[in-house]
C-alpha atoms as a PDB file:
ATOM      1  CA  UNK A   1    -112.204-132.970-174.159  1.00  0.00           C
ATOM      2  CA  UNK A   2    -110.782-134.512-177.172  1.00  0.00           C
ATOM      3  CA  UNK A   3    -111.693-138.097-176.425  1.00  0.00           C
ATOM      4  CA  UNK A   4    -114.746-137.084-175.778  1.00  0.00           C
ATOM      5  CA  UNK A   5    -115.847-135.199-179.142  1.00  0.00           C
ATOM      6  CA  UNK A   6    -113.514-137.813-180.844  1.00  0.00           C
ATOM      7  CA  UNK A   7    -116.344-140.803-179.161  1.00  0.00           C
ATOM      8  CA  UNK A   8    -119.122-138.098-179.899  1.00  0.00           C
ATOM      9  CA  UNK A   9    -118.000-138.001-183.237  1.00  0.00           C
ATOM     10  CA  UNK A  10    -117.858-142.160-183.956  1.00  0.00           C
ATOM     11  CA  UNK A  11    -114.183-141.653-185.011  1.00  0.00           C
ATOM     12  CA  UNK A  12    -112.072-145.024-185.275  1.00  0.00           C
ATOM     13  CA  UNK A  13    -108.503-144.393-183.954  1.00  0.00           C
ATOM     14  CA  UNK A  14    -105.897-146.086-182.357  1.00  0.00           C
ATOM     15  CA  UNK A  15    -103.322-143.280-181.748  1.00  0.00           C
ATOM     16  CA  UNK A  16    -103.916-139.711-180.625  1.00  0.00           C
ATOM     17  CA  UNK A  17    -101.309-136.729-180.726  1.00  0.00           C
ATOM     18  CA  UNK A  18    -101.334-134.209-177.740  1.00  0.00           C
ATOM     19  CA  UNK A  19     -99.144-131.723-179.381  1.00  0.00           C
ATOM     20  CA  UNK A  20     -97.208-132.252-182.216  1.00  0.00           C
ATOM     21  CA  UNK A  21     -95.064-130.761-185.464  1.00  0.00           C
ATOM     22  CA  UNK A  22     -96.416-131.612-188.844  1.00  0.00           C
ATOM     23  CA  UNK A  23     -94.028-132.217-191.617  1.00  0.00           C
ATOM     24  CA  UNK A  24     -96.991-133.149-194.153  1.00  0.00           C
ATOM     25  CA  UNK A  25    -100.036-131.623-194.141  1.00  0.00           C
ATOM     26  CA  UNK A  26    -103.267-133.266-192.800  1.00  0.00           C
ATOM     27  CA  UNK A  27    -104.990-136.214-194.394  1.00  0.00           C
ATOM     28  CA  UNK A  28    -108.555-134.380-193.552  1.00  0.00           C
ATOM     29  CA  UNK A  29    -109.965-132.249-190.927  1.00  0.00           C
ATOM     30  CA  UNK A  30    -112.529-134.189-188.923  1.00  0.00           C
ATOM     31  CA  UNK A  31    -113.437-131.389-186.235  1.00  0.00           C
ATOM     32  CA  UNK A  32    -112.000-128.358-185.287  1.00  0.00           C
ATOM     33  CA  UNK A  33    -109.878-129.735-182.830  1.00  0.00           C
ATOM     34  CA  UNK A  34    -109.006-133.350-184.328  1.00  0.00           C
ATOM     35  CA  UNK A  35    -107.386-134.572-187.351  1.00  0.00           C
ATOM     36  CA  UNK A  36    -106.114-137.376-189.590  1.00  0.00           C
ATOM     37  CA  UNK A  37    -102.826-136.613-189.297  1.00  0.00           C
ATOM     38  CA  UNK A  38    -100.153-136.445-192.032  1.00  0.00           C
ATOM     39  CA  UNK A  39     -96.558-137.747-191.375  1.00  0.00           C
ATOM     40  CA  UNK A  40     -95.628-136.194-187.886  1.00  0.00           C
ATOM     41  CA  UNK A  41     -92.208-135.223-185.944  1.00  0.00           C
ATOM     42  CA  UNK A  42     -92.049-133.731-182.731  1.00  0.00           C
ATOM     43  CA  UNK A  43     -94.883-135.284-180.782  1.00  0.00           C
ATOM     44  CA  UNK A  44     -95.685-133.709-177.339  1.00  0.00           C
ATOM     45  CA  UNK A  45     -97.292-136.717-176.173  1.00  0.00           C
ATOM     46  CA  UNK A  46     -99.966-139.256-177.415  1.00  0.00           C
ATOM     47  CA  UNK A  47    -102.576-141.520-176.278  1.00  0.00           C
ATOM     48  CA  UNK A  48    -102.913-145.286-177.445  1.00  0.00           C
ATOM     49  CA  UNK A  49    -105.590-147.453-177.120  1.00  0.00           C
ATOM     50  CA  UNK A  50    -105.112-150.713-175.934  1.00  0.00           C
ATOM     51  CA  UNK A  51    -105.177-152.333-179.290  1.00  0.00           C
ATOM     52  CA  UNK A  52    -102.770-150.015-180.706  1.00  0.00           C
ATOM     53  CA  UNK A  53    -100.555-150.392-177.717  1.00  0.00           C
ATOM     54  CA  UNK A  54    -100.953-154.676-178.123  1.00  0.00           C
ATOM     55  CA  UNK A  55    -100.035-154.323-181.933  1.00  0.00           C
ATOM     56  CA  UNK A  56     -97.108-152.295-181.045  1.00  0.00           C
ATOM     57  CA  UNK A  57     -95.897-155.505-178.838  1.00  0.00           C
ATOM     58  CA  UNK A  58     -97.026-158.101-180.881  1.00  0.00           C
ATOM     59  CA  UNK A  59     -95.050-155.981-183.728  1.00  0.00           C
ATOM     60  CA  UNK A  60     -91.463-156.225-182.012  1.00  0.00           C
ATOM     61  CA  UNK A  61     -91.338-152.570-181.739  1.00  0.00           C
ATOM     62  CA  UNK A  62     -88.436-153.190-179.403  1.00  0.00           C
ATOM     63  CA  UNK A  63     -86.312-154.487-182.417  1.00  0.00           C
ATOM     64  CA  UNK A  64     -86.763-151.648-184.278  1.00  0.00           C
ATOM     65  CA  UNK A  65     -84.478-148.728-182.295  1.00  0.00           C
ATOM     66  CA  UNK A  66     -86.505-146.000-184.263  1.00  0.00           C
ATOM     67  CA  UNK A  67     -87.820-142.638-182.451  1.00  0.00           C
ATOM     68  CA  UNK A  68     -91.409-143.272-182.074  1.00  0.00           C
ATOM     69  CA  UNK A  69     -92.669-140.203-183.689  1.00  0.00           C
ATOM     70  CA  UNK A  70     -90.890-142.266-186.912  1.00  0.00           C
ATOM     71  CA  UNK A  71     -92.324-145.156-186.140  1.00  0.00           C
ATOM     72  CA  UNK A  72     -96.006-144.123-185.340  1.00  0.00           C
ATOM     73  CA  UNK A  73     -96.268-142.485-188.261  1.00  0.00           C
ATOM     74  CA  UNK A  74     -95.123-145.374-190.477  1.00  0.00           C
ATOM     75  CA  UNK A  75     -97.392-147.542-188.593  1.00  0.00           C
ATOM     76  CA  UNK A  76    -100.732-145.456-189.383  1.00  0.00           C
ATOM     77  CA  UNK A  77     -99.599-145.514-193.230  1.00  0.00           C
ATOM     78  CA  UNK A  78     -98.222-142.151-193.561  1.00  0.00           C
ATOM     79  CA  UNK A  79     -94.283-141.826-195.068  1.00  0.00           C
ATOM     80  CA  UNK A  80     -94.298-145.176-196.782  1.00  0.00           C
ATOM     81  CA  UNK A  81     -92.727-143.364-199.675  1.00  0.00           C
ATOM     82  CA  UNK A  82     -89.372-143.716-198.048  1.00  0.00           C
ATOM     83  CA  UNK A  83     -88.436-140.331-198.226  1.00  0.00           C
ATOM     84  CA  UNK A  84     -88.993-139.601-194.181  1.00  0.00           C
ATOM     85  CA  UNK A  85     -87.393-143.201-193.444  1.00  0.00           C
ATOM     86  CA  UNK A  86     -85.774-145.873-195.381  1.00  0.00           C
ATOM     87  CA  UNK A  87     -87.348-148.575-192.934  1.00  0.00           C
ATOM     88  CA  UNK A  88     -90.769-146.939-194.030  1.00  0.00           C
ATOM     89  CA  UNK A  89     -92.169-150.682-195.521  1.00  0.00           C
ATOM     90  CA  UNK A  90     -90.800-153.152-193.645  1.00  0.00           C
ATOM     91  CA  UNK A  91     -92.163-151.290-190.427  1.00  0.00           C
ATOM     92  CA  UNK A  92     -95.587-150.733-192.125  1.00  0.00           C
END
């Protein structure tokens, strides 16, 4: 249902969280069920588009041992001030 909603709204996305615990306010509300999230920890699940999966492989994510929750938020440009993780600038 939420995939269809994102498609119908014409939203560009590479990663969709399916349950999460935000640590920052959302950037914007897209619809009743969809938001552009701020920094997020404790994800229940997520959906990756093929382009996003390729970007993680090409970025050699396996060399950056970190919880995916941190890496996903930083890769989306959230938490770049280094407050949440000292590796933020390197990973972005």
